[in-house]
N, C-alpha and C. Protein backbone atom coordinates (compact mmCIF):
# COMPACT_ATOMS: atom_id res chain seq x y z
N MET A 1 104.48 94.34 93.96
CA MET A 1 104.45 95.44 94.91
C MET A 1 102.99 95.72 95.29
N LYS A 2 102.76 95.95 96.56
CA LYS A 2 101.43 96.26 97.07
C LYS A 2 101.08 97.71 96.74
N VAL A 3 99.88 97.92 96.21
CA VAL A 3 99.40 99.26 95.88
C VAL A 3 98.36 99.66 96.92
N ILE A 4 98.59 100.82 97.56
CA ILE A 4 97.68 101.34 98.59
C ILE A 4 97.03 102.60 98.01
N ILE A 5 95.70 102.63 98.01
CA ILE A 5 94.97 103.78 97.47
C ILE A 5 94.38 104.57 98.63
N THR A 6 94.72 105.85 98.71
CA THR A 6 94.26 106.68 99.82
C THR A 6 92.75 106.87 99.76
N GLU A 7 92.19 107.24 100.88
CA GLU A 7 90.75 107.52 100.95
C GLU A 7 90.41 108.71 100.06
N HIS A 8 91.31 109.67 99.97
CA HIS A 8 91.09 110.83 99.09
C HIS A 8 90.96 110.38 97.64
N ALA A 9 91.84 109.48 97.20
CA ALA A 9 91.78 108.99 95.82
C ALA A 9 90.49 108.22 95.58
N ARG A 10 90.07 107.41 96.53
CA ARG A 10 88.82 106.65 96.39
C ARG A 10 87.62 107.61 96.28
N LYS A 11 87.66 108.68 97.06
CA LYS A 11 86.59 109.67 97.02
C LYS A 11 86.54 110.35 95.66
N ARG A 12 87.69 110.64 95.10
CA ARG A 12 87.74 111.31 93.79
C ARG A 12 87.17 110.44 92.68
N LEU A 13 87.21 109.13 92.84
CA LEU A 13 86.64 108.24 91.82
C LEU A 13 85.14 108.45 91.65
N ARG A 14 84.49 109.02 92.64
CA ARG A 14 83.04 109.27 92.56
C ARG A 14 82.73 110.57 91.80
N ASP A 15 83.74 111.40 91.53
CA ASP A 15 83.53 112.65 90.80
C ASP A 15 83.31 112.37 89.31
N LEU A 16 82.60 113.27 88.65
CA LEU A 16 82.30 113.11 87.23
C LEU A 16 83.57 113.07 86.37
N ARG A 17 84.56 113.84 86.75
CA ARG A 17 85.79 113.91 85.96
C ARG A 17 86.55 112.57 85.95
N GLN A 18 86.37 111.76 86.98
CA GLN A 18 87.03 110.46 87.06
C GLN A 18 86.06 109.31 86.73
N ASP A 19 84.94 109.63 86.09
CA ASP A 19 83.93 108.63 85.74
C ASP A 19 84.54 107.51 84.90
N ARG A 20 84.18 106.28 85.19
CA ARG A 20 84.60 105.07 84.46
C ARG A 20 86.05 104.65 84.73
N ILE A 21 86.71 105.23 85.72
CA ILE A 21 88.03 104.77 86.14
C ILE A 21 87.81 103.87 87.34
N THR A 22 88.33 102.64 87.29
CA THR A 22 88.09 101.68 88.36
C THR A 22 89.34 101.51 89.23
N ILE A 23 89.14 100.87 90.38
CA ILE A 23 90.25 100.54 91.27
C ILE A 23 91.26 99.66 90.54
N ALA A 24 90.77 98.72 89.73
CA ALA A 24 91.66 97.83 88.97
C ALA A 24 92.53 98.62 88.00
N ASP A 25 91.96 99.65 87.36
CA ASP A 25 92.74 100.51 86.45
C ASP A 25 93.86 101.21 87.21
N ILE A 26 93.56 101.68 88.40
CA ILE A 26 94.56 102.39 89.21
C ILE A 26 95.67 101.43 89.65
N ILE A 27 95.29 100.24 90.09
CA ILE A 27 96.29 99.26 90.53
C ILE A 27 97.20 98.87 89.37
N ASN A 28 96.62 98.64 88.19
CA ASN A 28 97.43 98.30 87.01
C ASN A 28 98.39 99.44 86.65
N ALA A 29 97.90 100.67 86.71
CA ALA A 29 98.74 101.82 86.37
C ALA A 29 99.89 101.98 87.37
N ALA A 30 99.56 101.92 88.65
CA ALA A 30 100.59 102.10 89.68
C ALA A 30 101.60 100.96 89.67
N SER A 31 101.15 99.76 89.41
CA SER A 31 102.05 98.60 89.36
C SER A 31 102.99 98.66 88.16
N GLY A 32 102.54 99.31 87.11
CA GLY A 32 103.34 99.38 85.89
C GLY A 32 104.43 100.42 85.88
N ILE A 33 104.49 101.24 86.91
CA ILE A 33 105.54 102.28 86.99
C ILE A 33 106.82 101.61 87.48
N PRO A 34 107.87 101.65 86.68
CA PRO A 34 109.13 100.99 87.09
C PRO A 34 109.91 101.83 88.09
N GLY A 35 110.78 101.18 88.81
CA GLY A 35 111.69 101.87 89.72
C GLY A 35 111.05 102.24 91.04
N ARG A 36 111.76 103.11 91.75
CA ARG A 36 111.34 103.57 93.07
C ARG A 36 110.93 105.03 92.98
N ILE A 37 109.89 105.41 93.71
CA ILE A 37 109.38 106.78 93.69
C ILE A 37 109.55 107.36 95.10
N PRO A 38 110.66 108.07 95.37
CA PRO A 38 110.93 108.55 96.73
C PRO A 38 110.05 109.73 97.16
N THR A 39 109.58 110.57 96.22
CA THR A 39 108.72 111.70 96.57
C THR A 39 107.46 111.64 95.70
N ALA A 40 106.41 112.28 96.17
CA ALA A 40 105.15 112.28 95.42
C ALA A 40 105.38 112.86 94.02
N THR A 41 105.00 112.08 93.02
CA THR A 41 105.26 112.43 91.63
C THR A 41 104.02 112.16 90.80
N ARG A 42 103.75 113.06 89.85
CA ARG A 42 102.60 112.88 88.96
C ARG A 42 103.04 112.11 87.72
N PHE A 43 102.30 111.05 87.42
CA PHE A 43 102.54 110.24 86.23
C PHE A 43 101.34 110.39 85.31
N ARG A 44 101.61 110.71 84.06
CA ARG A 44 100.56 111.09 83.13
C ARG A 44 100.29 110.03 82.06
N GLY A 45 99.06 110.08 81.55
CA GLY A 45 98.72 109.34 80.34
C GLY A 45 98.34 107.88 80.50
N PHE A 46 97.76 107.49 81.63
CA PHE A 46 97.29 106.11 81.77
C PHE A 46 95.91 106.00 81.14
N LEU A 47 95.57 104.81 80.68
CA LEU A 47 94.30 104.58 80.00
C LEU A 47 93.48 103.55 80.76
N ALA A 48 92.27 103.94 81.18
CA ALA A 48 91.35 103.01 81.84
C ALA A 48 90.75 102.10 80.76
N LYS A 49 90.24 100.95 81.16
CA LYS A 49 89.66 100.01 80.19
C LYS A 49 88.57 100.63 79.33
N PRO A 50 87.68 101.49 79.89
CA PRO A 50 86.66 102.10 79.03
C PRO A 50 87.21 103.20 78.12
N GLY A 51 88.50 103.49 78.19
CA GLY A 51 89.10 104.47 77.30
C GLY A 51 89.36 105.83 77.92
N ARG A 52 89.08 105.99 79.18
CA ARG A 52 89.30 107.28 79.87
C ARG A 52 90.78 107.45 80.20
N VAL A 53 91.35 108.60 79.87
CA VAL A 53 92.75 108.90 80.17
C VAL A 53 92.81 109.53 81.57
N PHE A 54 93.82 109.14 82.35
CA PHE A 54 93.96 109.70 83.69
C PHE A 54 95.42 109.76 84.11
N ASP A 55 95.69 110.59 85.11
CA ASP A 55 97.00 110.72 85.72
C ASP A 55 96.89 110.24 87.16
N ILE A 56 98.01 109.80 87.73
CA ILE A 56 98.03 109.47 89.15
C ILE A 56 99.21 110.17 89.81
N VAL A 57 99.04 110.46 91.09
CA VAL A 57 100.13 110.97 91.92
C VAL A 57 100.44 109.86 92.91
N ALA A 58 101.70 109.41 92.90
CA ALA A 58 102.07 108.27 93.74
C ALA A 58 103.45 108.48 94.34
N LYS A 59 103.73 107.71 95.40
CA LYS A 59 105.06 107.66 96.00
C LYS A 59 105.20 106.32 96.71
N ASP A 60 106.43 105.89 96.88
CA ASP A 60 106.69 104.63 97.56
C ASP A 60 106.87 104.89 99.06
N ILE A 61 106.23 104.04 99.85
CA ILE A 61 106.36 104.06 101.30
C ILE A 61 106.78 102.66 101.73
N PRO A 62 107.20 102.47 102.96
CA PRO A 62 107.63 101.13 103.38
C PRO A 62 106.57 100.03 103.17
N GLY A 63 105.28 100.39 103.21
CA GLY A 63 104.23 99.39 103.04
C GLY A 63 103.88 99.06 101.61
N GLY A 64 104.41 99.81 100.64
CA GLY A 64 104.09 99.58 99.23
C GLY A 64 104.07 100.89 98.47
N ARG A 65 103.31 100.92 97.38
CA ARG A 65 103.19 102.12 96.56
C ARG A 65 101.89 102.82 96.90
N LEU A 66 101.98 104.06 97.37
CA LEU A 66 100.83 104.83 97.80
C LEU A 66 100.33 105.69 96.65
N VAL A 67 99.07 105.50 96.26
CA VAL A 67 98.43 106.36 95.24
C VAL A 67 97.70 107.45 96.00
N ILE A 68 98.17 108.69 95.83
CA ILE A 68 97.66 109.81 96.59
C ILE A 68 96.39 110.38 95.98
N THR A 69 96.37 110.54 94.65
CA THR A 69 95.18 111.06 93.99
C THR A 69 95.14 110.61 92.52
N ILE A 70 93.98 110.79 91.93
CA ILE A 70 93.74 110.46 90.52
C ILE A 70 93.19 111.71 89.86
N ILE A 71 93.68 112.00 88.66
CA ILE A 71 93.20 113.16 87.92
C ILE A 71 92.70 112.66 86.57
N GLY A 72 91.39 112.74 86.36
CA GLY A 72 90.81 112.32 85.08
C GLY A 72 90.94 113.43 84.05
N LYS A 73 90.99 113.03 82.79
CA LYS A 73 91.10 114.00 81.69
C LYS A 73 89.80 114.10 80.94
């Protein structure tokens, strides 16, 4: 499944709270969610390679899985 990351989510990666979370971490997290996501839903407890815990808000659209935002812990 194709993962699409919004410009808002990319911008949030530059914030201190999302430090050390990479695009690859987001793609792996979003790809690992099973099933279909018809409405924007928050998924908790993903782990970036450097050990940072984060949540993502995602939903499925006709073009793939849209990652709306990232929330670092």
